[in-house]
Protein backbone atom coordinates (compact mmCIF):
# COMPACT_ATOMS: atom_id res chain seq x y z
CA MET A 1 11.36 -17.86 82.72
CA LEU A 2 8.93 -17.75 79.79
CA LYS A 3 5.31 -18.66 80.47
CA THR A 4 3.46 -21.53 78.82
CA PHE A 5 0.47 -23.80 79.49
CA SER A 6 0.75 -26.55 82.06
CA ILE A 7 -0.51 -29.77 80.44
CA GLY A 8 0.75 -31.55 77.32
CA GLY A 9 1.86 -29.91 74.09
CA VAL A 10 4.32 -30.77 71.30
CA HIS A 11 7.06 -29.07 69.28
CA PRO A 12 6.52 -29.55 65.52
CA HIS A 13 9.03 -28.01 63.10
CA GLU A 14 8.01 -24.40 62.58
CA ASN A 15 8.70 -24.03 58.83
CA LYS A 16 7.80 -20.33 58.83
CA LEU A 17 8.87 -19.99 55.18
CA SER A 18 6.87 -16.81 54.56
CA ALA A 19 8.06 -14.98 57.69
CA HIS A 20 8.87 -11.31 57.03
CA GLN A 21 7.30 -11.43 53.57
CA PRO A 22 5.37 -8.13 53.29
CA ILE A 23 1.61 -8.33 52.99
CA LEU A 24 0.74 -8.17 49.29
CA THR A 25 -2.67 -7.00 48.13
CA ALA A 26 -4.15 -9.87 46.10
CA ALA A 27 -5.83 -9.05 42.81
CA VAL A 28 -9.60 -8.66 42.89
CA PRO A 29 -11.10 -11.92 41.53
CA GLU A 30 -13.14 -11.97 38.31
CA LYS A 31 -15.85 -13.91 40.16
CA ALA A 32 -16.36 -14.02 43.92
CA VAL A 33 -18.12 -16.82 45.77
CA ILE A 34 -19.10 -15.74 49.27
CA LEU A 35 -20.20 -18.51 51.62
CA LEU A 36 -23.21 -17.96 53.88
CA GLY A 37 -21.75 -20.10 56.69
CA GLN A 38 -18.40 -18.50 57.52
CA HIS A 39 -18.79 -18.74 61.27
CA ILE A 40 -19.85 -21.00 64.12
CA GLY A 41 -23.63 -20.97 64.52
CA ALA A 42 -26.54 -20.45 62.15
CA PRO A 43 -25.69 -19.58 58.52
CA ALA A 44 -26.45 -16.03 57.44
CA LYS A 45 -29.68 -15.34 55.50
CA PRO A 46 -29.33 -13.70 52.05
CA VAL A 47 -30.78 -10.22 51.65
CA VAL A 48 -29.91 -10.01 47.94
CA ALA A 49 -31.24 -11.90 44.93
CA LYS A 50 -30.09 -12.84 41.44
CA GLY A 51 -29.55 -9.73 39.33
CA ASP A 52 -28.93 -7.36 42.25
CA LEU A 53 -26.01 -4.94 41.97
CA VAL A 54 -23.69 -4.70 44.97
CA LYS A 55 -20.69 -2.62 45.99
CA VAL A 56 -17.69 -3.51 48.12
CA GLY A 57 -19.08 -3.45 51.66
CA THR A 58 -22.75 -3.98 50.78
CA LYS A 59 -24.49 -6.27 53.27
CA ILE A 60 -25.57 -9.34 51.30
CA ALA A 61 -26.69 -11.59 54.18
CA GLU A 62 -27.89 -10.91 57.71
CA ALA A 63 -27.24 -12.93 60.86
CA GLY A 64 -29.43 -16.05 60.95
CA GLY A 65 -29.75 -16.18 64.73
CA PHE A 66 -28.17 -15.05 68.00
CA VAL A 67 -24.98 -16.99 67.28
CA SER A 68 -24.46 -15.91 63.69
CA ALA A 69 -22.78 -13.14 61.70
CA ALA A 70 -23.63 -10.78 58.86
CA ILE A 71 -21.91 -11.20 55.49
CA HIS A 72 -20.82 -8.35 53.22
CA SER A 73 -19.77 -8.26 49.60
CA SER A 74 -16.01 -8.06 49.08
CA VAL A 75 -16.43 -6.99 45.46
CA SER A 76 -18.66 -4.83 43.29
CA GLY A 77 -20.76 -6.32 40.54
CA LYS A 78 -23.87 -8.38 39.87
CA VAL A 79 -25.25 -11.29 41.89
CA THR A 80 -25.55 -14.16 39.41
CA LYS A 81 -27.00 -16.85 41.69
CA ILE A 82 -27.33 -18.26 45.19
CA ASP A 83 -26.19 -21.86 44.97
CA ALA A 84 -24.05 -24.49 46.68
CA ILE A 85 -20.28 -24.83 46.40
CA VAL A 86 -17.81 -27.16 48.09
CA ASP A 87 -16.08 -25.31 50.93
CA ALA A 88 -12.78 -26.03 52.70
CA SER A 89 -14.42 -28.80 54.77
CA GLY A 90 -15.30 -30.73 51.59
CA TYR A 91 -19.05 -30.30 51.94
CA ALA A 92 -21.39 -28.39 49.63
CA LYS A 93 -22.54 -25.20 51.34
CA PRO A 94 -24.80 -22.33 50.17
CA ALA A 95 -23.04 -19.27 48.78
CA ILE A 96 -23.69 -16.05 46.89
CA PHE A 97 -22.00 -15.88 43.46
CA ILE A 98 -21.03 -12.43 42.17
CA ASP A 99 -19.65 -11.45 38.76
CA VAL A 100 -17.17 -8.64 39.39
CA GLU A 101 -17.57 -5.32 37.59
CA GLY A 102 -15.06 -2.64 38.60
CA ASP A 103 -14.23 -1.95 42.24
CA GLU A 104 -16.82 0.46 43.62
CA TRP A 105 -16.93 0.76 47.44
CA GLU A 106 -19.74 1.85 49.74
CA GLU A 107 -19.23 5.55 50.46
CA THR A 108 -19.57 5.06 54.22
CA ILE A 109 -16.24 3.16 54.37
CA ASN A 110 -13.21 5.27 55.28
CA ARG A 111 -10.45 3.94 53.00
CA THR A 112 -7.70 6.27 54.18
CA THR A 113 -4.70 4.95 56.12
CA THR A 114 -4.87 7.73 58.73
CA LEU A 115 -4.82 6.31 62.26
CA VAL A 116 -8.01 7.07 64.21
CA LYS A 117 -7.30 6.67 67.92
CA GLU A 118 -10.25 8.19 69.74
CA CYS A 119 -13.41 6.12 70.16
CA ASN A 120 -16.28 7.89 71.91
CA LEU A 121 -18.82 5.11 71.50
CA THR A 122 -20.35 3.30 74.48
CA ALA A 123 -19.68 -0.40 75.04
CA GLU A 124 -23.12 -1.22 73.69
CA GLU A 125 -22.59 0.92 70.58
CA ILE A 126 -19.22 -0.78 69.94
CA VAL A 127 -20.78 -4.26 70.16
CA LYS A 128 -23.57 -3.21 67.79
CA LYS A 129 -21.09 -1.85 65.27
CA ILE A 130 -18.99 -5.03 65.45
CA ALA A 131 -22.12 -7.11 64.83
CA GLU A 132 -23.13 -4.96 61.86
CA ALA A 133 -19.64 -5.42 60.38
CA GLY A 134 -19.86 -9.21 60.58
CA ILE A 135 -16.70 -9.60 62.67
CA VAL A 136 -15.84 -13.15 63.76
CA GLY A 137 -12.84 -14.71 65.47
CA LEU A 138 -10.07 -14.85 62.88
CA GLY A 139 -7.98 -17.46 64.66
CA GLY A 140 -9.91 -20.28 63.02
CA ALA A 141 -12.94 -20.96 65.22
CA CYS A 142 -14.88 -18.04 63.67
CA PHE A 143 -17.08 -17.45 66.71
CA PRO A 144 -19.19 -14.30 66.18
CA THR A 145 -17.31 -11.56 68.04
CA GLN A 146 -20.34 -9.66 69.29
CA VAL A 147 -21.56 -12.77 71.14
CA LYS A 148 -18.22 -13.31 72.88
CA LEU A 149 -18.18 -9.66 73.97
CA CYS A 150 -21.49 -10.15 75.82
CA PRO A 151 -20.86 -12.97 78.34
CA PRO A 152 -23.78 -14.54 80.24
CA PRO A 153 -24.91 -12.55 83.32
CA ALA A 154 -23.45 -15.19 85.65
CA PHE A 155 -19.92 -14.32 84.49
CA LYS A 156 -17.89 -11.14 84.71
CA ALA A 157 -14.96 -10.31 82.47
CA GLU A 158 -11.80 -9.31 84.34
CA CYS A 159 -9.31 -9.06 81.49
CA LEU A 160 -8.90 -9.30 77.73
CA VAL A 161 -6.43 -11.83 76.32
CA ILE A 162 -5.20 -11.29 72.76
CA ASN A 163 -4.03 -14.39 70.91
CA ALA A 164 -1.01 -13.38 68.83
CA VAL A 165 0.63 -16.79 69.23
CA GLU A 166 0.19 -18.21 65.71
CA CYS A 167 1.48 -21.60 66.87
CA GLU A 168 0.46 -23.52 63.73
CA PRO A 169 3.58 -24.41 61.72
CA TYR A 170 4.04 -22.55 58.41
CA LEU A 171 1.51 -19.75 59.10
CA THR A 172 2.84 -16.17 59.36
CA ALA A 173 -0.21 -13.96 58.65
CA ASP A 174 -0.64 -12.74 62.25
CA HIS A 175 3.11 -12.18 62.66
CA GLN A 176 3.30 -9.96 59.60
CA LEU A 177 0.08 -8.17 60.54
CA MET A 178 1.69 -7.14 63.84
CA LEU A 179 4.82 -5.89 62.10
CA GLU A 180 2.82 -3.74 59.65
CA HIS A 181 -0.19 -2.64 61.72
CA ALA A 182 0.86 -2.61 65.39
CA GLU A 183 -0.71 0.78 66.09
CA GLU A 184 -4.09 -0.13 64.59
CA ILE A 185 -4.09 -3.40 66.52
CA MET A 186 -3.47 -1.50 69.79
CA VAL A 187 -6.43 0.79 69.11
CA GLY A 188 -8.51 -2.31 68.35
CA VAL A 189 -7.44 -3.84 71.68
CA CYS A 190 -8.51 -0.64 73.49
CA ILE A 191 -11.90 -0.79 71.76
CA LEU A 192 -12.34 -4.44 72.78
CA MET A 193 -11.37 -3.56 76.38
CA LYS A 194 -14.03 -0.87 76.37
CA ALA A 195 -16.60 -3.26 74.91
CA VAL A 196 -16.10 -5.87 77.66
CA LYS A 197 -15.61 -3.19 80.34
CA VAL A 198 -12.14 -4.22 81.57
CA ASN A 199 -9.05 -2.10 82.21
CA LYS A 200 -6.33 -4.63 81.45
CA ALA A 201 -5.32 -6.66 78.43
CA PHE A 202 -2.57 -9.18 77.75
CA ILE A 203 -1.14 -9.86 74.29
CA GLY A 204 0.46 -13.31 74.15
CA ILE A 205 3.24 -13.72 71.55
CA GLU A 206 5.51 -16.76 71.26
CA ASN A 207 9.22 -16.15 71.61
CA ASN A 208 9.96 -17.18 68.00
CA LYS A 209 8.72 -13.71 66.95
CA PRO A 210 11.19 -11.45 68.79
CA ASP A 211 10.69 -8.56 66.34
CA ALA A 212 6.92 -8.60 66.93
CA ILE A 213 7.42 -8.78 70.71
CA GLN A 214 9.79 -5.81 70.59
CA LEU A 215 7.56 -3.68 68.36
CA MET A 216 4.28 -4.50 70.11
CA THR A 217 5.85 -3.86 73.54
CA LYS A 218 7.10 -0.47 72.37
CA VAL A 219 3.71 0.52 70.93
CA ALA A 220 1.78 -0.87 73.93
CA SER A 221 3.74 1.40 76.27
CA ASN A 222 1.62 4.30 74.98
CA TYR A 223 -1.67 2.57 75.85
CA ALA A 224 -2.85 2.15 79.44
CA GLY A 225 -3.46 -1.35 80.74
CA ILE A 226 -2.01 -3.30 77.77
CA ASN A 227 0.85 -5.71 78.44
CA VAL A 228 2.73 -7.87 75.93
CA VAL A 229 3.52 -11.33 77.35
CA PRO A 230 6.35 -13.30 75.66
CA LEU A 231 5.56 -17.03 75.72
CA LYS A 232 7.60 -20.19 75.38
CA VAL A 233 7.17 -21.83 71.97
CA LYS A 234 4.84 -24.80 72.37
CA TYR A 235 1.92 -26.08 70.31
CA PRO A 236 -1.13 -25.67 70.72
CA GLN A 237 -0.61 -22.49 72.73
CA GLY A 238 -3.02 -20.65 70.47
CA GLY A 239 -5.87 -22.73 71.88
CA GLU A 240 -8.14 -20.51 73.95
CA LYS A 241 -7.91 -22.63 77.10
CA GLN A 242 -4.15 -23.13 76.76
CA LEU A 243 -3.55 -19.39 76.26
CA ILE A 244 -5.57 -18.48 79.35
CA ASP A 245 -3.56 -21.04 81.34
CA ALA A 246 -0.28 -19.67 80.00
CA ILE A 247 -1.00 -15.99 80.59
CA ILE A 248 -3.11 -15.77 83.77
CA SER A 249 -2.50 -19.29 85.19
CA ARG A 250 -6.19 -20.18 85.39
CA GLN A 251 -7.62 -23.41 84.01
CA VAL A 252 -10.95 -23.76 82.23
CA GLY A 253 -12.86 -26.64 83.81
CA SER A 254 -14.29 -29.54 81.81
CA GLY A 255 -17.38 -28.35 79.96
CA ALA A 256 -16.95 -24.79 81.25
CA LEU A 257 -16.74 -21.61 79.19
CA PRO A 258 -13.42 -19.72 78.99
CA ILE A 259 -15.18 -16.68 80.50
CA SER A 260 -15.46 -18.70 83.74
CA THR A 261 -11.80 -17.73 84.32
CA GLY A 262 -12.62 -14.04 83.89
CA ALA A 263 -10.84 -13.83 80.54
CA VAL A 264 -12.25 -12.89 77.14
CA VAL A 265 -9.96 -14.13 74.36
CA GLN A 266 -9.73 -12.52 70.91
CA ASN A 267 -7.33 -13.12 68.03
CA VAL A 268 -4.90 -10.37 67.04
CA GLY A 269 -6.39 -10.35 63.53
CA THR A 270 -9.82 -9.85 65.09
CA ALA A 271 -8.49 -6.84 67.01
CA PHE A 272 -7.34 -5.32 63.72
CA ALA A 273 -10.72 -6.08 62.09
CA VAL A 274 -12.48 -4.44 65.06
CA TYR A 275 -10.36 -1.30 64.59
CA GLU A 276 -11.35 -1.13 60.92
CA ALA A 277 -15.02 -1.81 61.68
CA VAL A 278 -15.43 0.71 64.52
CA GLN A 279 -13.03 3.45 63.40
CA LYS A 280 -13.31 3.11 59.60
CA ASN A 281 -16.83 1.68 59.10
CA LYS A 282 -15.27 -1.20 57.19
CA PRO A 283 -17.02 -4.60 57.36
CA LEU A 284 -14.99 -7.80 57.43
CA LEU A 285 -14.53 -8.32 53.69
CA GLU A 286 -10.83 -9.18 53.41
CA ARG A 287 -8.14 -10.78 55.55
CA VAL A 288 -4.45 -11.71 55.58
CA ILE A 289 -3.78 -15.26 54.35
CA THR A 290 -0.46 -17.13 54.26
CA VAL A 291 0.17 -19.19 51.12
CA THR A 292 3.17 -21.43 51.66
CA GLY A 293 4.93 -24.75 51.11
CA LYS A 294 8.45 -26.13 50.81
CA SER A 295 8.27 -26.47 47.00
CA LEU A 296 6.28 -23.29 46.37
CA ALA A 297 8.19 -20.72 44.32
CA LYS A 298 7.19 -17.67 46.39
CA PRO A 299 5.66 -18.31 49.85
CA SER A 300 3.72 -15.13 50.60
CA ASN A 301 1.27 -13.29 52.83
CA PHE A 302 -1.73 -11.82 50.98
CA LEU A 303 -4.47 -9.38 51.89
CA ALA A 304 -7.22 -11.18 49.98
CA ARG A 305 -10.90 -10.42 49.45
CA ILE A 306 -13.27 -12.94 51.01
CA GLY A 307 -14.57 -15.19 48.22
CA THR A 308 -11.35 -15.21 46.18
CA PRO A 309 -10.70 -18.69 44.71
CA MET A 310 -7.72 -20.29 46.46
CA LYS A 311 -6.40 -21.21 43.01
CA GLN A 312 -5.81 -17.51 42.31
CA LEU A 313 -3.63 -17.07 45.40
CA ILE A 314 -1.65 -20.22 44.63
CA GLU A 315 -1.00 -18.99 41.09
CA ALA A 316 0.22 -15.65 42.49
CA CYS A 317 2.91 -17.66 44.34
CA GLY A 318 4.14 -19.35 41.17
CA GLY A 319 1.50 -22.06 40.76
CA LEU A 320 1.25 -25.62 42.05
CA PRO A 321 4.64 -27.36 42.23
CA GLU A 322 4.99 -30.65 40.35
CA ASP A 323 5.56 -32.61 43.56
CA THR A 324 2.31 -31.42 45.20
CA GLY A 325 0.76 -34.16 47.31
CA LYS A 326 -1.96 -32.29 49.20
CA ILE A 327 -3.32 -28.78 49.50
CA ILE A 328 -4.30 -27.94 53.07
CA GLY A 329 -6.72 -25.22 54.11
CA GLY A 330 -5.06 -23.84 57.26
CA GLY A 331 -1.96 -25.23 58.94
CA PRO A 332 -0.63 -28.80 58.95
CA MET A 333 -1.80 -29.63 62.48
CA MET A 334 -5.48 -28.63 62.38
CA GLY A 335 -6.05 -27.84 58.70
CA LYS A 336 -8.00 -30.03 56.28
CA ALA A 337 -7.10 -31.22 52.80
CA LEU A 338 -8.98 -29.37 50.05
CA VAL A 339 -10.90 -31.33 47.43
CA ASN A 340 -10.02 -28.75 44.76
CA THR A 341 -8.47 -25.30 44.39
CA ASP A 342 -11.75 -23.62 43.40
CA VAL A 343 -12.66 -23.47 47.10
CA PRO A 344 -13.30 -19.80 47.98
CA THR A 345 -11.48 -18.07 50.82
CA ALA A 346 -13.61 -17.34 53.87
CA LYS A 347 -13.32 -15.32 57.07
CA GLY A 348 -11.59 -18.27 58.74
CA SER A 349 -9.05 -18.87 55.96
CA SER A 350 -5.73 -18.28 57.73
CA GLY A 351 -3.54 -20.16 55.29
CA ILE A 352 -3.10 -22.40 52.26
CA LEU A 353 -0.36 -25.00 52.61
CA ILE A 354 1.02 -26.88 49.62
CA MET A 355 2.46 -30.15 50.91
CA THR A 356 4.88 -32.25 48.88
CA ASN A 357 4.19 -35.89 48.03
CA LYS A 358 6.70 -36.96 50.65
CA GLU A 359 5.21 -34.77 53.39
CA SER A 360 1.62 -35.66 52.66
CA LYS A 361 1.92 -39.45 52.83
CA ARG A 362 0.78 -40.98 56.07
CA GLY A 363 2.83 -43.75 57.59
CA GLN A 364 1.52 -47.30 57.76
CA VAL A 365 -0.95 -47.65 60.64
CA ARG A 366 0.10 -50.26 63.20
CA ASN A 367 -1.37 -51.49 66.46
CA CYS A 368 -1.14 -49.26 69.52
CA ILE A 369 1.92 -50.15 71.61
CA ARG A 370 0.62 -48.46 74.80
CA CYS A 371 3.54 -46.03 74.91
CA SER A 372 1.30 -43.27 76.36
CA LYS A 373 2.95 -40.54 74.25
CA CYS A 374 -0.49 -39.34 73.14
CA VAL A 375 -1.60 -39.04 76.77
CA SER A 376 1.47 -36.95 77.62
CA ALA A 377 0.93 -34.73 74.58
CA CYS A 378 -2.80 -34.05 75.05
CA PRO A 379 -3.23 -30.47 76.30
CA MET A 380 -6.70 -31.32 77.63
CA GLY A 381 -5.60 -34.24 79.82
CA LEU A 382 -7.53 -36.83 77.80
CA GLU A 383 -6.56 -40.38 76.81
CA PRO A 384 -6.45 -40.27 73.00
CA TYR A 385 -5.46 -43.97 72.60
CA LEU A 386 -8.67 -44.92 74.41
CA LEU A 387 -10.84 -42.42 72.53
CA GLY A 388 -9.43 -43.75 69.25
CA ALA A 389 -10.26 -47.33 70.17
CA LEU A 390 -13.78 -46.35 71.25
CA ALA A 391 -14.40 -44.49 67.98
CA GLU A 392 -13.07 -47.43 66.00
CA ASN A 393 -15.62 -49.63 67.79
CA THR A 394 -18.43 -47.03 67.52
CA ASP A 395 -18.82 -46.84 71.32
CA PHE A 396 -19.84 -43.20 71.28
CA GLU A 397 -21.71 -43.37 74.60
CA ARG A 398 -18.45 -44.29 76.32
CA MET A 399 -16.64 -41.57 74.38
CA GLU A 400 -19.01 -39.03 75.92
CA LYS A 401 -18.19 -40.32 79.41
CA GLU A 402 -14.49 -40.06 78.59
CA LYS A 403 -15.02 -36.33 77.83
CA ILE A 404 -14.50 -36.37 74.07
CA MET A 405 -16.27 -32.99 73.89
CA ASP A 406 -13.29 -31.45 75.74
CA CYS A 407 -11.05 -32.34 72.77
CA ILE A 408 -9.84 -29.25 70.90
CA GLU A 409 -8.82 -31.25 67.80
CA CYS A 410 -5.26 -29.92 67.93
CA GLY A 411 -3.71 -33.10 66.52
CA SER A 412 -0.95 -33.34 69.16
CA CYS A 413 -1.88 -36.97 69.82
CA GLN A 414 -1.62 -38.00 66.18
CA PHE A 415 1.59 -36.00 65.71
CA THR A 416 3.34 -37.86 68.52
CA CYS A 417 2.02 -41.39 67.83
CA PRO A 418 4.88 -43.73 66.78
CA THR A 419 2.46 -46.22 65.20
CA ASN A 420 0.72 -43.64 62.96
CA ARG A 421 -2.73 -44.16 64.50
CA PRO A 422 -5.23 -41.68 62.98
CA LEU A 423 -6.16 -40.41 66.44
CA LEU A 424 -7.26 -36.94 65.32
CA ASP A 425 -9.59 -38.48 62.73
CA TYR A 426 -11.10 -40.74 65.39
CA CYS A 427 -11.53 -37.85 67.82
CA ARG A 428 -13.20 -35.67 65.18
CA LEU A 429 -15.57 -38.50 64.32
CA GLY A 430 -16.36 -39.07 67.98
CA LYS A 431 -16.97 -35.38 68.69
CA SER A 432 -19.33 -35.16 65.73
CA LYS A 433 -21.32 -38.22 66.77
CA VAL A 434 -21.46 -37.31 70.47
CA GLY A 435 -22.40 -33.72 69.65
CA THR A 436 -25.33 -35.01 67.58
CA MET A 437 -26.39 -37.25 70.48
CA ILE A 438 -26.28 -34.35 72.95
CA ARG A 439 -28.31 -32.06 70.67
CA ALA A 440 -30.91 -34.80 70.16
CA ARG A 441 -31.28 -35.20 73.95
CA GLN A 442 -31.64 -31.47 74.45
CA ALA A 443 -34.32 -31.26 71.75
CA LYS A 444 -36.60 -33.70 73.59
């Protein structure tokens, strides 16, 4: 029987329209806009100024704190300004603007496709190299990888869990990455195992990707301690806590860190980026992005430079369809509607979804009928109907008591609600307000 997590979950239509589309190398943009806050934690601090010339791979911003990540140029050219631009969240954020001139790379980057298996670095040297390359979690949360590889002294890592689930409907970037770069991913997994000093790793893949399961299992057989774990298809299995539950049957307690279970979780795309950083000296300057939608002419998977305008990738798929209702950054469950298509891609940009007018219209909101479907669907065991009502009435103190900070914002509650209550919106609002309250208390 296939494994899965034990509480809640839903089954949205998969709509993997771009499945098995080969990864295409996107054109280098004429202008790149590289955000300084592409990760959880403090924004990076610029180390370049207007007029500076940069190459592909040049460090243009350094980590702004312990939980932060370095930023590198994805293009070569001249820095024109450091200014604000609206990012995928809809807020103006600081960024470095570069006019592209040619495509000159830093000489230290190994651009060959030759597989490099052996890694003779120590765990500490690996972590340092990952930090220097600006690697962050590529599953969406964008947590700086070097921080996750160094758990607090009170905890000990027992295993590495690789998230190759890609449970968001429509997205296929991780799936195609496995089909085209299985060997490099395996080396990356070995490097991560060495970094966290464990001798076993589990790669979780949902059963709707049988070709990836077959290939990864075959390749993993040549690497000690790595096991591929087929999983039952259920959303949000890609959530860190849900994946740990599914694979090693341990639950992360309320308010606890995932490492409390002995597991360190990394995305499969992160494992590939770690391979390139450690074995090829290549910083995180490009990633695979799915561009998709039911009316899109050519749903595709692109290897795109960080800072490429999303408009350019959409045009490479045939342009915006006439019946476009919304453009979503990410997948339909957890993604957010973009305010315009000039938004630059970032390290966390896993997909661009073009929704039709029909798909994008929300149903009329009606009163809660106490059906409890949202409670059954919540993978964190919360009561979304109650949290929604508390947010609506601005009772954020009560929301904290009802454990709103445990919410992973997966949208399962809103997806299953028959009365179209905007439960995810309410939960996001509540988490933001309660998080601000908690930080204010801690600052006193």
